[in-house]
């Protein structure tokens, strides 16, 4: 079977997406996840807290 370059790209993109989702589910099953709140704290500690944008008058 011969595939067009576009069809090959579509299939390989889909395969990479499925593999990434499976990897994420594996991380979830293994407990290798953090909550959004915990991630925010880690990022604040490492890079400093973001300043809240001020409204322009």
N, C-alpha and C. Protein backbone atom coordinates (compact mmCIF):
# COMPACT_ATOMS: atom_id res chain seq x y z
N UNK A 1 0.84 -1.17 0.00
CA UNK A 1 0.00 0.00 0.00
C UNK A 1 0.89 1.24 0.00
N UNK A 2 0.53 2.19 -0.78
CA UNK A 2 1.27 3.45 -0.86
C UNK A 2 0.40 4.55 -0.25
N UNK A 3 1.01 5.33 0.64
CA UNK A 3 0.32 6.45 1.29
C UNK A 3 0.82 7.77 0.74
N UNK A 4 -0.07 8.72 0.66
CA UNK A 4 0.37 10.06 0.29
C UNK A 4 1.14 10.65 1.48
N UNK A 5 1.99 11.63 1.22
CA UNK A 5 2.71 12.27 2.33
C UNK A 5 1.75 12.86 3.37
N UNK A 6 0.63 13.40 2.93
CA UNK A 6 -0.33 13.98 3.86
C UNK A 6 -0.95 12.92 4.76
N UNK A 7 -1.30 11.77 4.16
CA UNK A 7 -1.89 10.68 4.95
C UNK A 7 -0.86 10.11 5.93
N UNK A 8 0.39 9.99 5.48
CA UNK A 8 1.46 9.52 6.37
C UNK A 8 1.61 10.47 7.55
N UNK A 9 1.63 11.77 7.29
CA UNK A 9 1.74 12.76 8.37
C UNK A 9 0.57 12.66 9.33
N UNK A 10 -0.64 12.50 8.80
CA UNK A 10 -1.83 12.39 9.65
C UNK A 10 -1.74 11.17 10.54
N UNK A 11 -1.33 10.04 9.98
CA UNK A 11 -1.25 8.81 10.76
C UNK A 11 -0.14 8.87 11.81
N UNK A 12 1.00 9.44 11.46
CA UNK A 12 2.08 9.52 12.44
C UNK A 12 1.75 10.52 13.54
N UNK A 13 1.07 11.61 13.20
CA UNK A 13 0.64 12.56 14.22
C UNK A 13 -0.35 11.90 15.17
N UNK A 14 -1.28 11.15 14.63
CA UNK A 14 -2.25 10.44 15.46
C UNK A 14 -1.55 9.42 16.36
N UNK A 15 -0.58 8.70 15.83
CA UNK A 15 0.14 7.70 16.63
C UNK A 15 0.92 8.37 17.76
N UNK A 16 1.54 9.52 17.49
CA UNK A 16 2.28 10.23 18.55
C UNK A 16 1.33 10.73 19.63
N UNK A 17 0.15 11.20 19.23
CA UNK A 17 -0.84 11.66 20.19
C UNK A 17 -1.30 10.50 21.08
N UNK A 18 -1.63 9.38 20.48
CA UNK A 18 -2.08 8.22 21.26
C UNK A 18 -0.98 7.76 22.22
N UNK A 19 0.27 7.74 21.76
CA UNK A 19 1.38 7.34 22.62
C UNK A 19 1.55 8.31 23.79
N UNK A 20 1.37 9.61 23.54
CA UNK A 20 1.49 10.60 24.61
C UNK A 20 0.38 10.44 25.64
N UNK A 21 -0.83 10.17 25.17
CA UNK A 21 -1.95 9.96 26.10
C UNK A 21 -1.70 8.70 26.93
N UNK A 22 -1.26 7.63 26.29
CA UNK A 22 -0.96 6.40 27.03
C UNK A 22 0.14 6.63 28.06
N UNK A 23 1.15 7.41 27.71
CA UNK A 23 2.22 7.74 28.65
C UNK A 23 1.68 8.52 29.84
N UNK A 24 0.80 9.48 29.58
CA UNK A 24 0.19 10.26 30.65
C UNK A 24 -0.66 9.40 31.56
N UNK A 25 -1.41 8.48 30.98
CA UNK A 25 -2.21 7.57 31.80
C UNK A 25 -1.32 6.65 32.63
N UNK A 26 -0.20 6.24 32.07
CA UNK A 26 0.77 5.43 32.83
C UNK A 26 1.33 6.22 34.00
N UNK A 27 1.63 7.50 33.79
CA UNK A 27 2.10 8.36 34.89
C UNK A 27 1.04 8.47 35.97
N UNK A 28 -0.21 8.62 35.56
CA UNK A 28 -1.30 8.72 36.51
C UNK A 28 -1.41 7.44 37.33
N UNK A 29 -1.38 6.30 36.67
CA UNK A 29 -1.47 5.01 37.37
C UNK A 29 -0.31 4.80 38.34
N UNK A 30 0.87 5.31 37.98
CA UNK A 30 2.06 5.14 38.82
C UNK A 30 2.18 6.21 39.90
N UNK A 31 1.24 7.15 39.92
CA UNK A 31 1.29 8.20 40.93
C UNK A 31 2.28 9.31 40.65
N UNK A 32 2.72 9.42 39.40
CA UNK A 32 3.69 10.46 39.02
C UNK A 32 2.97 11.71 38.53
N UNK A 33 2.10 12.25 39.37
CA UNK A 33 1.35 13.45 39.03
C UNK A 33 1.33 14.39 40.22
N UNK A 34 1.10 15.66 39.96
CA UNK A 34 0.93 16.65 41.02
C UNK A 34 -0.32 17.46 40.71
N UNK A 35 -0.93 18.00 41.73
CA UNK A 35 -2.12 18.83 41.52
C UNK A 35 -1.71 20.17 40.91
N UNK A 36 -2.69 20.85 40.34
CA UNK A 36 -2.43 22.18 39.78
C UNK A 36 -1.89 23.12 40.86
N UNK A 37 -2.46 23.03 42.05
CA UNK A 37 -2.03 23.89 43.15
C UNK A 37 -0.58 23.61 43.54
N UNK A 38 -0.22 22.32 43.64
CA UNK A 38 1.15 21.96 43.99
C UNK A 38 2.12 22.42 42.91
N UNK A 39 1.72 22.29 41.65
CA UNK A 39 2.57 22.75 40.56
C UNK A 39 2.77 24.26 40.64
N UNK A 40 1.69 24.99 40.93
CA UNK A 40 1.81 26.44 41.08
C UNK A 40 2.79 26.82 42.17
N UNK A 41 2.75 26.12 43.30
CA UNK A 41 3.68 26.40 44.39
C UNK A 41 5.12 26.10 43.97
N UNK A 42 5.32 24.98 43.27
CA UNK A 42 6.68 24.64 42.81
C UNK A 42 7.22 25.70 41.86
N UNK A 43 6.38 26.14 40.94
CA UNK A 43 6.83 27.16 39.99
C UNK A 43 7.11 28.49 40.68
N UNK A 44 6.26 28.86 41.65
CA UNK A 44 6.49 30.09 42.41
C UNK A 44 7.81 30.02 43.16
N UNK A 45 8.10 28.87 43.77
CA UNK A 45 9.35 28.72 44.51
C UNK A 45 10.56 28.82 43.59
N UNK A 46 10.44 28.25 42.43
CA UNK A 46 11.59 28.23 41.52
C UNK A 46 11.79 29.54 40.78
N UNK A 47 10.68 30.15 40.32
CA UNK A 47 10.79 31.32 39.45
C UNK A 47 10.24 32.60 40.07
N UNK A 48 9.65 32.50 41.24
CA UNK A 48 9.03 33.66 41.86
C UNK A 48 7.58 33.76 41.43
N UNK A 49 6.80 34.32 42.31
CA UNK A 49 5.36 34.44 42.04
C UNK A 49 5.11 35.45 40.93
N UNK A 50 4.13 35.17 40.12
CA UNK A 50 3.74 36.12 39.07
C UNK A 50 3.02 37.29 39.70
N UNK A 51 3.27 38.44 39.15
CA UNK A 51 2.52 39.61 39.61
C UNK A 51 1.18 39.63 38.93
N UNK A 52 0.18 40.07 39.66
CA UNK A 52 -1.15 40.21 39.09
C UNK A 52 -1.14 41.39 38.13
N UNK A 53 -1.73 41.23 36.95
CA UNK A 53 -1.77 42.36 36.01
C UNK A 53 -2.65 43.47 36.58
N UNK A 54 -2.23 44.68 36.35
CA UNK A 54 -3.01 45.83 36.81
C UNK A 54 -3.86 46.34 35.66
N UNK A 55 -5.04 46.84 35.99
CA UNK A 55 -5.92 47.35 34.96
C UNK A 55 -5.47 48.76 34.57
N UNK A 56 -5.47 49.03 33.29
CA UNK A 56 -5.13 50.37 32.80
C UNK A 56 -6.34 51.25 32.90
N UNK A 57 -6.12 52.50 33.26
CA UNK A 57 -7.23 53.46 33.38
C UNK A 57 -7.35 54.29 32.15
